[in-house]
C-alpha atoms as a PDB file:
ATOM      1  CA  MET A   1     -57.379  16.349  41.693  1.00  0.00           C
ATOM      2  CA  TRP A   2     -57.213  14.064  38.530  1.00  0.00           C
ATOM      3  CA  ARG A   3     -58.871  11.317  40.347  1.00  0.00           C
ATOM      4  CA  GLU A   4     -61.634  13.638  41.831  1.00  0.00           C
ATOM      5  CA  GLN A   5     -62.280  14.696  38.518  1.00  0.00           C
ATOM      6  CA  LEU A   6     -62.632  11.324  36.927  1.00  0.00           C
ATOM      7  CA  ASP A   7     -64.820  10.256  40.141  1.00  0.00           C
ATOM      8  CA  GLU A   8     -67.339  13.370  39.226  1.00  0.00           C
ATOM      9  CA  LEU A   9     -67.625  12.004  35.738  1.00  0.00           C
ATOM     10  CA  ASN A  10     -68.253   8.430  36.932  1.00  0.00           C
ATOM     11  CA  ILE A  11     -65.195   7.055  35.138  1.00  0.00           C
ATOM     12  CA  GLY A  12     -62.782   4.946  36.532  1.00  0.00           C
ATOM     13  CA  ALA A  13     -59.124   5.695  36.621  1.00  0.00           C
ATOM     14  CA  ASP A  14     -58.256   2.516  34.609  1.00  0.00           C
ATOM     15  CA  ASP A  15     -61.003   2.833  32.114  1.00  0.00           C
ATOM     16  CA  ALA A  16     -58.464   3.243  28.973  1.00  0.00           C
ATOM     17  CA  PRO A  17     -60.639   3.857  25.919  1.00  0.00           C
ATOM     18  CA  ALA A  18     -60.998   7.561  25.263  1.00  0.00           C
ATOM     19  CA  ARG A  19     -64.309   6.974  23.396  1.00  0.00           C
ATOM     20  CA  GLY A  20     -65.654   5.518  26.284  1.00  0.00           C
ATOM     21  CA  ARG A  21     -64.733   8.401  28.659  1.00  0.00           C
ATOM     22  CA  LEU A  22     -66.202  10.654  25.875  1.00  0.00           C
ATOM     23  CA  SER A  23     -69.226   8.601  26.183  1.00  0.00           C
ATOM     24  CA  ALA A  24     -69.504   8.938  29.935  1.00  0.00           C
ATOM     25  CA  TRP A  25     -69.005  12.457  29.828  1.00  0.00           C
ATOM     26  CA  ARG A  26     -71.672  13.068  27.350  1.00  0.00           C
ATOM     27  CA  ALA A  27     -74.184  11.148  29.401  1.00  0.00           C
ATOM     28  CA  ALA A  28     -73.167  13.093  32.447  1.00  0.00           C
ATOM     29  CA  GLU A  29     -73.772  16.334  30.716  1.00  0.00           C
ATOM     30  CA  ASN A  30     -76.741  15.325  28.982  1.00  0.00           C
ATOM     31  CA  ALA A  31     -74.961  16.925  26.196  1.00  0.00           C
ATOM     32  CA  GLU A  32     -76.133  17.124  22.568  1.00  0.00           C
ATOM     33  CA  PRO A  33     -73.605  15.920  19.820  1.00  0.00           C
ATOM     34  CA  THR A  34     -73.033  19.516  18.444  1.00  0.00           C
ATOM     35  CA  ALA A  35     -72.971  20.900  21.872  1.00  0.00           C
ATOM     36  CA  THR A  36     -70.100  18.003  22.647  1.00  0.00           C
ATOM     37  CA  TRP A  37     -67.922  18.883  19.472  1.00  0.00           C
ATOM     38  CA  THR A  38     -68.193  22.469  20.178  1.00  0.00           C
ATOM     39  CA  ALA A  39     -66.747  21.884  23.603  1.00  0.00           C
ATOM     40  CA  ILE A  40     -63.860  19.568  22.397  1.00  0.00           C
ATOM     41  CA  LEU A  41     -62.676  22.092  19.701  1.00  0.00           C
ATOM     42  CA  SER A  42     -63.101  24.918  21.886  1.00  0.00           C
ATOM     43  CA  LEU A  43     -60.673  23.047  24.155  1.00  0.00           C
ATOM     44  CA  LEU A  44     -58.208  22.312  21.590  1.00  0.00           C
ATOM     45  CA  GLY A  45     -58.445  25.661  20.556  1.00  0.00           C
ATOM     46  CA  PHE A  46     -57.528  27.164  24.219  1.00  0.00           C
ATOM     47  CA  CYS A  47     -54.683  24.304  24.059  1.00  0.00           C
ATOM     48  CA  ASN A  48     -52.738  26.180  21.565  1.00  0.00           C
ATOM     49  CA  TYR A  49     -52.314  29.212  23.533  1.00  0.00           C
ATOM     50  CA  LEU A  50     -50.953  27.164  26.475  1.00  0.00           C
ATOM     51  CA  ALA A  51     -47.060  27.809  27.387  1.00  0.00           C
ATOM     52  CA  PRO A  52     -45.011  24.889  28.364  1.00  0.00           C
ATOM     53  CA  LEU A  53     -44.887  24.516  31.907  1.00  0.00           C
ATOM     54  CA  THR A  54     -42.615  21.930  33.877  1.00  0.00           C
ATOM     55  CA  PRO A  55     -44.955  19.190  35.309  1.00  0.00           C
ATOM     56  CA  LEU A  56     -44.781  19.264  39.006  1.00  0.00           C
ATOM     57  CA  MET A  57     -45.956  15.863  39.404  1.00  0.00           C
ATOM     58  CA  ALA A  58     -46.615  12.577  37.611  1.00  0.00           C
ATOM     59  CA  THR A  59     -49.714  12.485  35.152  1.00  0.00           C
ATOM     60  CA  PRO A  60     -52.202   9.572  36.092  1.00  0.00           C
ATOM     61  CA  PRO A  61     -50.746   7.369  33.552  1.00  0.00           C
ATOM     62  CA  ASN A  62     -47.310   7.358  35.089  1.00  0.00           C
ATOM     63  CA  TRP A  63     -48.473   6.804  38.578  1.00  0.00           C
ATOM     64  CA  VAL A  64     -47.216   3.776  40.218  1.00  0.00           C
ATOM     65  CA  THR A  65     -49.044   3.357  43.463  1.00  0.00           C
ATOM     66  CA  GLY A  66     -50.369   6.611  43.529  1.00  0.00           C
ATOM     67  CA  PRO A  67     -49.707  10.565  43.335  1.00  0.00           C
ATOM     68  CA  ALA A  68     -47.528  10.332  46.529  1.00  0.00           C
ATOM     69  CA  ALA A  69     -45.176   7.872  44.617  1.00  0.00           C
ATOM     70  CA  SER A  70     -44.300   9.963  41.959  1.00  0.00           C
ATOM     71  CA  HIS A  71     -41.882  12.127  43.719  1.00  0.00           C
ATOM     72  CA  PRO A  72     -39.570  11.893  46.834  1.00  0.00           C
ATOM     73  CA  THR A  73     -40.794  13.174  49.979  1.00  0.00           C
ATOM     74  CA  ARG A  74     -39.424  16.692  51.121  1.00  0.00           C
ATOM     75  CA  ARG A  75     -39.399  18.054  54.552  1.00  0.00           C
ATOM     76  CA  GLY A  76     -41.700  21.249  55.104  1.00  0.00           C
ATOM     77  CA  ALA A  77     -42.272  23.184  57.862  1.00  0.00           C
ATOM     78  CA  GLU A  78     -43.423  21.313  61.223  1.00  0.00           C
ATOM     79  CA  PRO A  79     -47.090  21.535  61.797  1.00  0.00           C
ATOM     80  CA  LYS A  80     -46.617  22.968  65.278  1.00  0.00           C
ATOM     81  CA  VAL A  81     -44.719  25.758  63.853  1.00  0.00           C
ATOM     82  CA  LEU A  82     -46.954  26.676  61.148  1.00  0.00           C
ATOM     83  CA  SER A  83     -49.832  26.290  63.679  1.00  0.00           C
ATOM     84  CA  ARG A  84     -48.282  28.979  66.003  1.00  0.00           C
ATOM     85  CA  ILE A  85     -46.902  31.316  63.316  1.00  0.00           C
ATOM     86  CA  ARG A  86     -50.811  30.829  61.626  1.00  0.00           C
ATOM     87  CA  GLY A  87     -52.192  31.963  65.211  1.00  0.00           C
ATOM     88  CA  LEU A  88     -49.843  35.165  65.210  1.00  0.00           C
ATOM     89  CA  LEU A  89     -50.956  36.168  61.601  1.00  0.00           C
ATOM     90  CA  ALA A  90     -54.862  35.551  62.036  1.00  0.00           C
ATOM     91  CA  LYS A  91     -54.587  37.750  65.399  1.00  0.00           C
ATOM     92  CA  ALA A  92     -52.898  40.568  63.272  1.00  0.00           C
ATOM     93  CA  GLU A  93     -55.395  40.090  60.753  1.00  0.00           C
ATOM     94  CA  ALA A  94     -58.571  40.335  63.341  1.00  0.00           C
ATOM     95  CA  THR A  95     -57.203  43.627  65.530  1.00  0.00           C
ATOM     96  CA  THR A  96     -58.198  47.110  64.696  1.00  0.00           C
ATOM     97  CA  PHE A  97     -54.999  48.300  66.674  1.00  0.00           C
ATOM     98  CA  ALA A  98     -52.177  49.092  64.281  1.00  0.00           C
ATOM     99  CA  GLU A  99     -49.548  48.727  67.211  1.00  0.00           C
ATOM    100  CA  GLU A 100     -50.875  45.192  68.070  1.00  0.00           C
ATOM    101  CA  ALA A 101     -50.746  44.184  64.609  1.00  0.00           C
ATOM    102  CA  GLU A 102     -47.340  45.277  64.196  1.00  0.00           C
ATOM    103  CA  THR A 103     -46.083  43.364  67.373  1.00  0.00           C
ATOM    104  CA  LEU A 104     -47.769  40.195  66.070  1.00  0.00           C
ATOM    105  CA  SER A 105     -46.334  40.433  62.361  1.00  0.00           C
ATOM    106  CA  ALA A 106     -43.295  40.869  63.876  1.00  0.00           C
ATOM    107  CA  LYS A 107     -43.164  38.114  66.164  1.00  0.00           C
ATOM    108  CA  ALA A 108     -44.635  36.088  63.258  1.00  0.00           C
ATOM    109  CA  GLN A 109     -41.722  37.088  60.748  1.00  0.00           C
ATOM    110  CA  ASP A 110     -38.976  36.568  63.461  1.00  0.00           C
ATOM    111  CA  LEU A 111     -40.161  32.862  64.010  1.00  0.00           C
ATOM    112  CA  MET A 112     -40.293  32.397  60.288  1.00  0.00           C
ATOM    113  CA  THR A 113     -36.846  33.701  59.699  1.00  0.00           C
ATOM    114  CA  ARG A 114     -35.307  31.719  62.614  1.00  0.00           C
ATOM    115  CA  TYR A 115     -37.064  28.825  61.863  1.00  0.00           C
ATOM    116  CA  ALA A 116     -35.970  28.710  58.079  1.00  0.00           C
ATOM    117  CA  ILE A 117     -32.227  29.384  59.459  1.00  0.00           C
ATOM    118  CA  ASP A 118     -32.294  26.489  61.918  1.00  0.00           C
ATOM    119  CA  SER A 119     -33.997  24.205  59.288  1.00  0.00           C
ATOM    120  CA  ALA A 120     -31.107  25.114  56.881  1.00  0.00           C
ATOM    121  CA  VAL A 121     -28.453  24.256  59.431  1.00  0.00           C
ATOM    122  CA  ILE A 122     -30.111  21.006  59.902  1.00  0.00           C
ATOM    123  CA  ASP A 123     -30.160  20.169  56.239  1.00  0.00           C
ATOM    124  CA  ALA A 124     -26.496  20.962  55.961  1.00  0.00           C
ATOM    125  CA  HIS A 125     -25.546  18.441  58.651  1.00  0.00           C
ATOM    126  CA  ALA A 126     -27.751  15.722  56.997  1.00  0.00           C
ATOM    127  CA  HIS A 127     -25.274  16.102  53.808  1.00  0.00           C
ATOM    128  CA  THR A 128     -28.468  15.589  51.552  1.00  0.00           C
ATOM    129  CA  SER A 129     -28.427  17.054  48.020  1.00  0.00           C
ATOM    130  CA  LEU A 130     -29.797  20.470  48.253  1.00  0.00           C
ATOM    131  CA  THR A 131     -30.773  20.673  44.395  1.00  0.00           C
ATOM    132  CA  ASP A 132     -32.865  17.583  44.903  1.00  0.00           C
ATOM    133  CA  GLN A 133     -34.685  19.260  47.924  1.00  0.00           C
ATOM    134  CA  VAL A 134     -35.771  22.161  45.798  1.00  0.00           C
ATOM    135  CA  VAL A 135     -39.394  22.315  44.794  1.00  0.00           C
ATOM    136  CA  THR A 136     -41.519  24.196  42.462  1.00  0.00           C
ATOM    137  CA  ARG A 137     -45.270  25.495  43.714  1.00  0.00           C
ATOM    138  CA  ARG A 138     -47.853  27.611  41.543  1.00  0.00           C
ATOM    139  CA  LEU A 139     -50.256  29.871  43.066  1.00  0.00           C
ATOM    140  CA  LEU A 140     -53.390  31.283  41.257  1.00  0.00           C
ATOM    141  CA  VAL A 141     -53.529  35.313  41.142  1.00  0.00           C
ATOM    142  CA  ASP A 142     -56.799  36.407  40.480  1.00  0.00           C
ATOM    143  CA  ASN A 143     -57.850  39.885  39.758  1.00  0.00           C
ATOM    144  CA  PRO A 144     -58.296  42.816  40.313  1.00  0.00           C
ATOM    145  CA  TYR A 145     -54.892  44.437  40.593  1.00  0.00           C
ATOM    146  CA  PRO A 146     -52.689  41.127  39.682  1.00  0.00           C
ATOM    147  CA  GLU A 147     -49.484  42.833  39.405  1.00  0.00           C
ATOM    148  CA  ALA A 148     -50.026  44.350  42.669  1.00  0.00           C
ATOM    149  CA  LYS A 149     -50.608  40.894  44.360  1.00  0.00           C
ATOM    150  CA  VAL A 150     -47.587  39.244  42.297  1.00  0.00           C
ATOM    151  CA  GLN A 151     -45.582  42.324  43.444  1.00  0.00           C
ATOM    152  CA  LEU A 152     -46.300  41.668  47.208  1.00  0.00           C
ATOM    153  CA  LEU A 153     -45.627  37.956  46.822  1.00  0.00           C
ATOM    154  CA  HIS A 154     -42.538  38.741  44.945  1.00  0.00           C
ATOM    155  CA  CYS A 155     -41.280  40.928  48.056  1.00  0.00           C
ATOM    156  CA  VAL A 156     -42.137  38.156  50.552  1.00  0.00           C
ATOM    157  CA  ALA A 157     -40.637  35.575  48.541  1.00  0.00           C
ATOM    158  CA  LYS A 158     -37.495  37.517  48.097  1.00  0.00           C
ATOM    159  CA  ALA A 159     -37.080  38.051  52.148  1.00  0.00           C
ATOM    160  CA  ASN A 160     -37.296  34.249  52.322  1.00  0.00           C
ATOM    161  CA  ASN A 161     -35.105  32.812  49.643  1.00  0.00           C
ATOM    162  CA  VAL A 162     -37.660  31.990  47.035  1.00  0.00           C
ATOM    163  CA  LEU A 163     -37.947  32.983  43.558  1.00  0.00           C
ATOM    164  CA  VAL A 164     -40.992  33.807  41.728  1.00  0.00           C
ATOM    165  CA  LEU A 165     -42.187  34.013  38.059  1.00  0.00           C
ATOM    166  CA  TRP A 166     -45.397  35.299  36.973  1.00  0.00           C
ATOM    167  CA  HIS A 167     -47.085  33.778  34.123  1.00  0.00           C
ATOM    168  CA  GLN A 168     -49.102  36.454  33.278  1.00  0.00           C
ATOM    169  CA  ARG A 169     -51.043  35.292  30.388  1.00  0.00           C
ATOM    170  CA  PHE A 170     -52.612  32.396  32.584  1.00  0.00           C
ATOM    171  CA  GLY A 171     -52.859  34.107  36.139  1.00  0.00           C
ATOM    172  CA  LEU A 172     -50.210  31.757  37.604  1.00  0.00           C
ATOM    173  CA  VAL A 173     -47.199  32.394  39.468  1.00  0.00           C
ATOM    174  CA  SER A 174     -44.480  29.620  39.974  1.00  0.00           C
ATOM    175  CA  MET A 175     -42.535  29.837  43.073  1.00  0.00           C
ATOM    176  CA  VAL A 176     -39.068  27.865  43.441  1.00  0.00           C
ATOM    177  CA  GLY A 177     -37.400  27.218  46.686  1.00  0.00           C
ATOM    178  CA  MET A 178     -37.030  25.036  49.749  1.00  0.00           C
ATOM    179  CA  PRO A 179     -40.444  23.142  51.201  1.00  0.00           C
ATOM    180  CA  VAL A 180     -40.047  25.169  54.559  1.00  0.00           C
ATOM    181  CA  ASP A 181     -39.439  28.552  52.961  1.00  0.00           C
ATOM    182  CA  LEU A 182     -42.256  28.073  50.412  1.00  0.00           C
ATOM    183  CA  ASP A 183     -44.653  27.213  53.467  1.00  0.00           C
ATOM    184  CA  LEU A 184     -43.767  30.259  55.370  1.00  0.00           C
ATOM    185  CA  SER A 185     -43.961  32.579  52.299  1.00  0.00           C
ATOM    186  CA  GLU A 186     -47.502  31.260  51.375  1.00  0.00           C
ATOM    187  CA  MET A 187     -48.539  31.815  54.982  1.00  0.00           C
ATOM    188  CA  LEU A 188     -47.158  35.369  55.064  1.00  0.00           C
ATOM    189  CA  PHE A 189     -48.594  36.339  51.529  1.00  0.00           C
ATOM    190  CA  THR A 190     -52.077  35.302  52.430  1.00  0.00           C
ATOM    191  CA  SER A 191     -51.896  36.966  55.673  1.00  0.00           C
ATOM    192  CA  LEU A 192     -50.622  40.289  53.975  1.00  0.00           C
ATOM    193  CA  LEU A 193     -53.158  40.443  51.343  1.00  0.00           C
ATOM    194  CA  VAL A 194     -55.780  40.192  54.234  1.00  0.00           C
ATOM    195  CA  GLN A 195     -54.120  42.871  56.024  1.00  0.00           C
ATOM    196  CA  ALA A 196     -53.793  45.130  52.654  1.00  0.00           C
ATOM    197  CA  SER A 197     -57.314  44.485  51.903  1.00  0.00           C
ATOM    198  CA  HIS A 198     -58.456  45.932  55.380  1.00  0.00           C
ATOM    199  CA  ALA A 199     -56.446  48.761  54.942  1.00  0.00           C
ATOM    200  CA  LEU A 200     -57.488  49.797  51.516  1.00  0.00           C
ATOM    201  CA  SER A 201     -61.042  49.518  52.926  1.00  0.00           C
ATOM    202  CA  GLU A 202     -60.104  51.618  55.690  1.00  0.00           C
ATOM    203  CA  ALA A 203     -58.178  54.157  53.448  1.00  0.00           C
ATOM    204  CA  GLY A 204     -61.867  55.906  52.582  1.00  0.00           C
ATOM    205  CA  GLY A 205     -64.733  55.323  50.177  1.00  0.00           C
ATOM    206  CA  ASP A 206     -64.619  58.926  48.712  1.00  0.00           C
ATOM    207  CA  ARG A 207     -64.635  58.816  44.586  1.00  0.00           C
ATOM    208  CA  VAL A 208     -60.697  59.458  44.606  1.00  0.00           C
ATOM    209  CA  LYS A 209     -60.007  56.526  46.889  1.00  0.00           C
ATOM    210  CA  ARG A 210     -62.512  54.289  44.951  1.00  0.00           C
ATOM    211  CA  SER A 211     -60.641  54.909  41.634  1.00  0.00           C
ATOM    212  CA  PRO A 212     -58.943  52.035  40.014  1.00  0.00           C
ATOM    213  CA  SER A 213     -55.798  54.241  40.012  1.00  0.00           C
ATOM    214  CA  PHE A 214     -55.507  55.005  43.490  1.00  0.00           C
ATOM    215  CA  ARG A 215     -56.319  51.306  44.593  1.00  0.00           C
ATOM    216  CA  ARG A 216     -53.745  49.847  42.148  1.00  0.00           C
ATOM    217  CA  SER A 217     -51.044  52.348  43.567  1.00  0.00           C
ATOM    218  CA  PHE A 218     -51.869  51.884  46.839  1.00  0.00           C
ATOM    219  CA  LEU A 219     -51.605  47.977  46.750  1.00  0.00           C
ATOM    220  CA  LEU A 220     -48.280  48.574  44.787  1.00  0.00           C
ATOM    221  CA  ALA A 221     -47.011  51.035  47.459  1.00  0.00           C
ATOM    222  CA  PHE A 222     -47.828  48.643  50.221  1.00  0.00           C
ATOM    223  CA  ALA A 223     -46.101  45.826  48.660  1.00  0.00           C
ATOM    224  CA  THR A 224     -42.929  47.629  47.788  1.00  0.00           C
ATOM    225  CA  ARG A 225     -42.880  49.094  51.370  1.00  0.00           C
ATOM    226  CA  ILE A 226     -43.506  45.462  53.077  1.00  0.00           C
ATOM    227  CA  GLY A 227     -40.651  44.116  50.968  1.00  0.00           C
ATOM    228  CA  GLU A 228     -38.204  47.086  52.605  1.00  0.00           C
ATOM    229  CA  ARG A 229     -39.424  46.006  56.047  1.00  0.00           C
ATOM    230  CA  LEU A 230     -39.219  42.476  55.396  1.00  0.00           C
ATOM    231  CA  THR A 231     -35.468  42.844  54.103  1.00  0.00           C
ATOM    232  CA  ILE A 232     -34.469  44.433  57.483  1.00  0.00           C
ATOM    233  CA  ALA A 233     -36.129  42.096  59.490  1.00  0.00           C
ATOM    234  CA  ARG A 234     -34.215  39.222  57.600  1.00  0.00           C
ATOM    235  CA  GLU A 235     -31.239  40.842  57.972  1.00  0.00           C
ATOM    236  CA  GLN A 236     -31.435  41.512  61.633  1.00  0.00           C
ATOM    237  CA  ALA A 237     -32.581  37.801  62.265  1.00  0.00           C
ATOM    238  CA  GLY A 238     -29.567  36.532  60.195  1.00  0.00           C
ATOM    239  CA  ARG A 239     -27.192  38.580  62.374  1.00  0.00           C
ATOM    240  CA  ASP A 240     -28.732  37.054  65.399  1.00  0.00           C
ATOM    241  CA  ALA A 241     -28.401  33.796  63.894  1.00  0.00           C
ATOM    242  CA  SER A 242     -25.232  34.120  63.158  1.00  0.00           C
ATOM    243  CA  SER A 243     -23.808  35.189  66.348  1.00  0.00           C
ATOM    244  CA  GLN A 244     -25.105  31.570  67.532  1.00  0.00           C
ATOM    245  CA  TYR A 245     -24.127  29.488  64.347  1.00  0.00           C
ATOM    246  CA  GLY A 246     -20.939  31.534  63.583  1.00  0.00           C
ATOM    247  CA  LYS A 247     -19.062  31.387  60.157  1.00  0.00           C
ATOM    248  CA  GLU A 248     -20.333  28.187  59.334  1.00  0.00           C
ATOM    249  CA  LEU A 249     -23.792  29.800  58.466  1.00  0.00           C
ATOM    250  CA  VAL A 250     -22.521  31.949  55.751  1.00  0.00           C
ATOM    251  CA  PRO A 251     -21.823  28.710  53.282  1.00  0.00           C
ATOM    252  CA  ILE A 252     -24.952  27.088  54.241  1.00  0.00           C
ATOM    253  CA  MET A 253     -27.037  29.779  53.224  1.00  0.00           C
ATOM    254  CA  ALA A 254     -25.122  30.479  50.156  1.00  0.00           C
ATOM    255  CA  GLU A 255     -25.386  26.843  49.035  1.00  0.00           C
ATOM    256  CA  ARG A 256     -29.279  27.022  49.491  1.00  0.00           C
ATOM    257  CA  ASN A 257     -29.543  30.287  47.486  1.00  0.00           C
ATOM    258  CA  GLU A 258     -27.170  28.691  44.889  1.00  0.00           C
ATOM    259  CA  ALA A 259     -29.488  25.643  44.815  1.00  0.00           C
ATOM    260  CA  VAL A 260     -32.630  27.313  44.404  1.00  0.00           C
ATOM    261  CA  GLY A 261     -31.122  29.380  41.757  1.00  0.00           C
ATOM    262  CA  SER A 262     -29.944  26.773  39.532  1.00  0.00           C
ATOM    263  CA  VAL A 263     -33.224  25.031  39.788  1.00  0.00           C
ATOM    264  CA  PHE A 264     -35.164  28.259  38.634  1.00  0.00           C
ATOM    265  CA  GLU A 265     -32.748  29.129  35.636  1.00  0.00           C
ATOM    266  CA  GLU A 266     -33.063  25.370  34.573  1.00  0.00           C
ATOM    267  CA  GLN A 267     -36.866  25.684  34.526  1.00  0.00           C
ATOM    268  CA  PHE A 268     -37.156  29.162  33.201  1.00  0.00           C
ATOM    269  CA  PRO A 269     -33.950  29.915  31.183  1.00  0.00           C
ATOM    270  CA  SER A 270     -35.474  32.998  29.651  1.00  0.00           C
ATOM    271  CA  VAL A 271     -36.925  35.607  31.984  1.00  0.00           C
ATOM    272  CA  VAL A 272     -38.097  39.066  31.387  1.00  0.00           C
ATOM    273  CA  THR A 273     -38.228  41.655  34.252  1.00  0.00           C
ATOM    274  CA  THR A 274     -41.454  43.820  34.272  1.00  0.00           C
ATOM    275  CA  SER A 275     -41.630  47.237  35.940  1.00  0.00           C
ATOM    276  CA  HIS A 276     -44.932  48.846  37.290  1.00  0.00           C
ATOM    277  CA  SER A 277     -45.686  52.471  36.878  1.00  0.00           C
ATOM    278  CA  ILE A 278     -47.456  54.515  39.492  1.00  0.00           C
ATOM    279  CA  THR A 279     -50.243  56.620  38.266  1.00  0.00           C
ATOM    280  CA  ASN A 280     -51.831  57.926  41.582  1.00  0.00           C
ATOM    281  CA  ALA A 281     -49.424  59.638  44.376  1.00  0.00           C
ATOM    282  CA  HIS A 282     -52.066  59.639  46.905  1.00  0.00           C
ATOM    283  CA  GLY A 283     -52.483  55.929  46.632  1.00  0.00           C
ATOM    284  CA  TRP A 284     -48.912  55.408  46.743  1.00  0.00           C
ATOM    285  CA  GLN A 285     -48.547  57.620  49.587  1.00  0.00           C
ATOM    286  CA  ALA A 286     -51.581  56.029  51.507  1.00  0.00           C
ATOM    287  CA  GLY A 287     -50.045  52.614  50.595  1.00  0.00           C
ATOM    288  CA  ARG A 288     -46.960  52.991  52.197  1.00  0.00           C
ATOM    289  CA  VAL A 289     -48.650  54.613  55.561  1.00  0.00           C
ATOM    290  CA  ALA A 290     -50.414  51.365  55.588  1.00  0.00           C
ATOM    291  CA  ALA A 291     -47.446  49.150  55.147  1.00  0.00           C
ATOM    292  CA  GLU A 292     -45.707  51.120  57.985  1.00  0.00           C
ATOM    293  CA  LEU A 293     -48.812  49.797  60.185  1.00  0.00           C
ATOM    294  CA  ALA A 294     -48.194  46.469  59.044  1.00  0.00           C
ATOM    295  CA  ASP A 295     -44.353  46.491  59.951  1.00  0.00           C
ATOM    296  CA  LEU A 296     -42.626  43.394  60.421  1.00  0.00           C
ATOM    297  CA  THR A 297     -39.506  44.271  62.183  1.00  0.00           C
ATOM    298  CA  GLY A 298     -39.386  44.086  66.093  1.00  0.00           C
ATOM    299  CA  GLY A 299     -38.098  42.078  68.941  1.00  0.00           C
ATOM    300  CA  ARG A 300     -36.251  38.606  68.167  1.00  0.00           C
ATOM    301  CA  GLU A 301     -37.213  35.613  69.718  1.00  0.00           C
ATOM    302  CA  ARG A 302     -35.853  32.266  68.701  1.00  0.00           C
ATOM    303  CA  ILE A 303     -38.090  29.110  68.443  1.00  0.00           C
ATOM    304  CA  THR A 304     -37.539  26.660  71.300  1.00  0.00           C
ATOM    305  CA  GLY A 305     -38.947  22.955  72.100  1.00  0.00           C
END
């Protein structure tokens, strides 16, 4: 992204003098001196409001042979598995039949859970440092109703061994976890956002159901109920996996959770828990009903091949 922005300004990555870069930017924007300094001072003013965040990658001055060289390679979900799960979720989003959406979403969650567990066992046998494998990603969470969207992400992440922190002031969410779990959580979260949007549209268009309080309560209820269902699905898949791997699975998963927790606490030592009030009972009830139709429990099928 850094290099793309420099290319847009016709500035080479090795063009060091800041004055030259400023002149190039002024020329590209055809900006007057007053407008230039206004923009610079405004930027500096906004910087005063920024909170410190742990860098997720090296900045351009610290690049060696490119961005990829700035951090070790970590194994994420296999493209073949992701493609299969994406296909199931896409069908769940597109269908107009609640039962079909439930079946497809259940199968997708099952594949996600079992694949994540299988990956954990493989990592354990490789005897690699789990803490070194933990990564952090950030997502933008836009309006409207960002608190409901963050709640949905939290519920999905919790069911997939990922910890999240909402930087409310900046519209960002940090996700901390294993690459496989992050891949799967992002995918499911995106799909459920689409399903929640569809369900909210189908809830009706009268004045009451168009009110902000109804829509906000609807989405919060949807997220809460989805979280409950995901927890049930996760626990069932875990029991199924335990029958295959036996007692070795418990310490493996405990070590992964401990590694994720330690990295999260190191990055965010002071965390404040927030709660959301419900202001519309009808919206809350409708949201829970919609979440029932997006139920993610169901039959269990292990990934093979």
